[in-house]
Protein backbone atom coordinates (compact mmCIF):
# COMPACT_ATOMS: atom_id res chain seq x y z
CA MET A 1 120.16 164.86 82.14
CA SER A 2 116.51 165.03 81.07
CA LYS A 3 114.55 167.37 83.69
CA PRO A 4 110.63 168.36 83.00
CA LEU A 5 110.41 171.84 81.67
CA GLY A 6 106.61 173.85 81.06
CA ARG A 7 106.99 177.12 79.72
CA ALA A 8 104.28 177.22 77.10
CA ILE A 9 104.55 180.20 74.19
CA PRO A 10 101.55 181.95 74.35
CA PRO A 11 98.96 182.11 71.53
CA ASP A 12 100.11 185.96 71.22
CA PHE A 13 102.86 188.59 72.04
CA HIS A 14 100.34 191.19 72.52
CA HIS A 15 101.55 191.64 76.34
CA VAL A 16 105.45 192.39 75.51
CA GLU A 17 104.07 195.17 73.07
CA LYS A 18 102.21 196.95 75.27
CA TYR A 19 103.72 196.37 78.35
CA ALA A 20 107.67 196.72 76.92
CA LEU A 21 110.03 198.48 79.47
CA ASN A 22 111.32 200.41 77.21
CA ALA A 23 108.03 202.18 77.26
CA LEU A 24 109.49 203.83 80.81
CA ASP A 25 112.12 206.44 81.12
CA THR A 26 115.10 205.01 81.75
CA ALA A 27 115.59 206.41 85.04
CA ALA A 28 112.29 204.53 86.07
CA ARG A 29 113.74 201.73 84.89
CA PRO A 30 114.76 198.97 87.75
CA LYS A 31 118.23 197.51 88.03
CA ARG A 32 120.12 195.17 89.69
CA VAL A 33 116.50 193.07 89.77
CA PRO A 34 116.47 189.45 89.14
CA VAL A 35 115.07 188.78 85.56
CA ALA A 36 112.32 186.12 84.66
CA VAL A 37 112.89 184.39 81.27
CA GLY A 38 110.75 181.91 79.12
CA SER A 39 112.28 180.56 75.94
CA ASN A 40 113.27 177.31 74.04
CA TRP A 41 115.53 174.74 75.80
CA TYR A 42 117.94 173.02 73.68
CA THR A 43 119.14 169.12 74.90
CA GLY A 44 122.78 170.62 74.45
CA MET A 45 121.76 173.36 77.52
CA ASP A 46 120.82 170.10 79.76
CA THR A 47 124.22 169.39 80.65
CA PRO A 48 126.37 172.14 81.55
CA GLN A 49 130.35 172.10 80.71
CA LEU A 50 133.14 172.85 83.54
CA ALA A 51 135.52 175.30 82.70
CA SER A 52 139.20 175.91 84.00
CA ASP A 53 138.12 178.60 86.42
CA GLY A 54 135.07 176.07 88.09
CA THR A 55 132.31 177.98 86.85
CA TYR A 56 129.40 176.23 84.62
CA TRP A 57 128.49 177.19 80.86
CA ILE A 58 125.46 176.53 78.80
CA GLY A 59 125.26 177.66 74.89
CA LYS A 60 128.77 178.41 74.58
CA SER A 61 129.28 175.33 71.90
CA ARG A 62 126.76 172.90 70.18
CA MET A 63 123.04 173.74 71.42
CA GLY A 64 122.16 170.68 69.99
CA THR A 65 117.91 170.69 69.18
CA VAL A 66 115.09 172.30 71.08
CA ARG A 67 113.02 169.90 73.19
CA GLY A 68 111.10 172.06 74.85
CA GLY A 69 110.26 175.42 76.43
CA HIS A 70 111.49 176.46 80.02
CA CYS A 71 111.80 179.49 82.60
CA TYR A 72 114.48 180.41 84.13
CA CYS A 73 115.68 183.32 86.52
CA LEU A 74 119.11 184.89 86.20
CA GLU A 75 120.40 186.60 89.04
CA PRO A 76 121.35 189.93 89.53
CA ALA A 77 124.46 191.61 90.33
CA GLY A 78 125.07 192.33 94.02
CA ARG A 79 126.08 190.72 96.93
CA SER A 80 122.86 191.32 98.82
CA GLU A 81 120.76 189.98 95.78
CA ARG A 82 122.80 187.10 95.45
CA ASP A 83 121.06 183.38 95.42
CA GLU A 84 120.68 181.67 98.69
CA SER A 85 122.61 178.40 99.07
CA SER A 86 119.33 176.67 100.75
CA TRP A 87 117.50 178.23 97.91
CA TRP A 88 119.64 176.05 95.20
CA ALA A 89 117.86 173.07 96.92
CA PHE A 90 114.74 173.74 97.65
CA TYR A 91 113.92 175.04 94.66
CA ASP A 92 113.58 171.80 93.06
CA GLN A 93 110.31 171.11 90.59
CA GLY A 94 111.28 167.17 90.34
CA GLN A 95 109.47 165.59 87.93
CA GLU A 96 106.94 168.24 87.22
CA GLY A 97 106.49 170.85 84.22
CA ALA A 98 106.35 173.74 86.87
CA CYS A 99 109.42 175.90 85.59
CA GLU A 100 106.90 178.66 85.72
CA GLY A 101 106.25 178.54 89.46
CA PHE A 102 109.46 177.76 90.18
CA GLY A 103 111.55 180.47 88.12
CA HIS A 104 109.24 183.21 89.17
CA SER A 105 109.27 182.04 92.71
CA ARG A 106 113.02 182.27 92.43
CA MET A 107 112.81 185.69 91.14
CA MET A 108 110.77 186.84 94.10
CA SER A 109 112.75 184.91 96.43
CA LEU A 110 115.50 187.37 95.36
CA LEU A 111 113.76 191.02 95.73
CA ASN A 112 112.13 189.43 98.82
CA ARG A 113 114.47 187.03 100.90
CA LYS A 114 111.83 184.91 101.71
CA ARG A 115 111.04 180.99 100.43
CA TYR A 116 107.42 180.32 98.09
CA ASP A 117 105.41 178.13 97.47
CA ALA A 118 106.43 177.58 93.85
CA PHE A 119 103.47 174.92 93.21
CA TRP A 120 100.59 177.10 94.09
CA LEU A 121 102.08 179.86 91.78
CA TYR A 122 102.11 177.13 88.78
CA ASP A 123 98.87 176.09 89.40
CA GLN A 124 97.22 179.12 89.86
CA ALA A 125 98.88 180.18 86.65
CA ARG A 126 97.17 177.35 85.12
CA ILE A 127 93.87 178.17 85.96
CA LEU A 128 94.49 181.54 84.74
CA ASP A 129 95.67 180.49 81.64
CA GLY A 130 92.24 178.09 81.42
CA GLN A 131 94.43 174.98 81.78
CA PRO A 132 94.39 174.03 84.77
CA SER A 133 94.45 169.91 83.81
CA GLU A 134 97.55 170.37 81.34
CA GLU A 135 101.12 170.45 82.11
CA GLY A 136 102.68 173.77 81.75
CA THR A 137 101.63 177.53 81.76
CA THR A 138 103.05 180.88 80.35
CA ASN A 139 105.27 183.40 81.38
CA ARG A 140 102.24 186.43 81.87
CA ALA A 141 99.85 184.14 83.43
CA ALA A 142 102.47 183.28 87.11
CA LEU A 143 103.17 186.91 86.57
CA GLU A 144 99.41 187.85 86.87
CA VAL A 145 99.24 185.78 89.60
CA LEU A 146 101.69 187.69 91.42
CA ARG A 147 100.39 190.70 90.50
CA THR A 148 96.57 190.01 91.28
CA ARG A 149 96.79 187.37 94.05
CA GLY A 150 100.17 187.95 95.83
CA HIS A 151 102.38 184.76 96.65
CA VAL A 152 102.41 182.09 99.42
CA VAL A 153 105.28 182.30 101.92
CA VAL A 154 106.87 178.76 102.98
CA HIS A 155 108.00 179.55 106.55
CA ALA A 156 111.10 177.59 107.57
CA ARG A 157 109.33 174.32 109.39
CA GLN A 158 107.64 174.08 106.26
CA ASN A 159 108.71 172.75 102.79
CA THR A 160 106.38 172.72 99.73
CA ALA A 161 105.02 169.24 100.38
CA ASP A 162 102.86 171.65 103.06
CA ARG A 163 100.86 172.88 100.16
CA HIS A 164 99.09 175.26 100.09
CA GLY A 165 98.83 178.23 102.23
CA THR A 166 97.13 181.53 102.27
CA PRO A 167 98.15 183.65 99.08
CA ASP A 168 99.21 187.23 100.49
CA LEU A 169 98.64 189.99 98.31
CA ALA A 170 101.75 191.94 100.01
CA GLU A 171 104.19 189.28 99.01
CA GLY A 172 103.51 189.87 95.13
CA ILE A 173 103.86 192.78 92.79
CA SER A 174 102.13 195.84 91.50
CA ALA A 175 103.63 196.12 88.43
CA TYR A 176 105.74 194.23 85.64
CA ARG A 177 107.12 195.06 81.70
CA TRP A 178 108.75 193.11 78.93
CA ALA A 179 112.32 193.35 78.30
CA THR A 180 112.46 192.89 74.63
CA THR A 181 116.49 192.94 74.21
CA VAL A 182 119.52 191.43 75.91
CA ASP A 183 121.18 195.15 76.74
CA GLU A 184 117.32 195.53 78.45
CA ILE A 185 117.87 192.46 80.41
CA LEU A 186 121.39 193.36 81.10
CA THR A 187 120.98 196.97 82.54
CA ALA A 188 118.20 195.25 84.82
CA LEU A 189 119.82 192.81 86.57
CA GLY A 190 123.11 195.83 86.90
CA THR A 191 125.45 194.29 84.18
CA PRO A 192 125.15 196.68 81.42
CA THR A 193 128.67 195.66 80.02
CA ALA A 194 128.77 192.04 81.08
CA ASP A 195 128.86 189.48 77.88
CA HIS A 196 126.87 186.79 79.60
CA VAL A 197 124.12 186.24 81.83
CA VAL A 198 124.21 183.73 85.20
CA LEU A 199 121.23 181.18 85.15
CA LEU A 200 119.39 180.04 88.89
CA ASN A 201 117.56 176.88 87.36
CA SER A 202 114.84 174.45 89.08
CA TRP A 203 115.81 171.34 89.45
CA GLY A 204 117.51 171.11 92.44
CA THR A 205 121.36 170.08 93.86
CA GLN A 206 121.49 167.88 90.49
CA TRP A 207 122.40 170.93 88.65
CA PRO A 208 125.25 173.39 88.86
CA HIS A 209 123.58 176.44 91.47
CA ARG A 210 124.88 179.01 88.80
CA VAL A 211 125.21 178.15 85.45
CA SER A 212 126.05 181.38 83.02
CA MET A 213 125.41 182.26 78.92
CA PRO A 214 126.84 183.97 76.87
CA ALA A 215 124.92 187.15 76.11
CA THR A 216 124.92 186.29 71.99
CA THR A 217 123.29 182.99 73.51
CA LEU A 218 120.21 184.91 75.15
CA GLU A 219 120.05 187.18 72.43
CA ARG A 220 119.26 184.36 70.27
CA LEU A 221 116.62 182.41 72.45
CA MET A 222 115.05 185.84 72.73
CA ARG A 223 114.54 186.19 69.12
CA GLU A 224 112.90 182.67 69.31
CA GLN A 225 109.80 184.06 70.92
CA GLY A 226 111.56 184.40 73.96
CA GLU A 227 110.49 186.25 76.97
CA ALA A 228 111.71 188.40 79.91
CA GLY A 229 109.24 189.73 82.75
CA VAL A 230 111.04 192.50 84.75
CA VAL A 231 109.23 193.50 88.03
CA THR A 232 108.87 197.19 87.98
CA ASP A 233 107.17 198.12 91.77
CA LYS A 234 106.46 195.96 94.63
């Protein structure tokens, strides 16, 4: 299965250096929060492998070749922070390279327990990046839109075809930082000793709801110009 991607590599990484998560005191760093990752996506990651215990995995065997950049949300620890089954179907980017809007909207749903207009966020991030007619955008742009404009709630009787509603700053974030190591990502997720992360993709029910990825694979992706945005203040 080969679905659209859409993460653009930023022209520089000054934002990561300037707003690194490790610049905060340890006590001030958030715990048990979702993390939006932008990284290379390999052909071997398109088809998760079913393990004997019923879990799905990517990145445990041959990765294949890079077919583009992708944004996805990592699920934090804790029952109350878990992704709803209904969001699995709702967050489907379809045939558009809108992963940045979807990965970050999934993150906001986990934080606020509401559904959001991922296509609105994607469109606004492209405008902020200065490329409204191009497919794809950056993690930085998506987070900046959430910080400066908020987000658009999709209510129970709506769907993303009703786009777009009115953005509400209260539905956004006040601050965010960049995790620069896998240990920082695991700690933010509330799983500091885990050997894997749980990935929530945005390809609807055509892709498993939850897919695990070894922490060593995530470490490799982070070294390859990966980014990991962590909301530090809603």
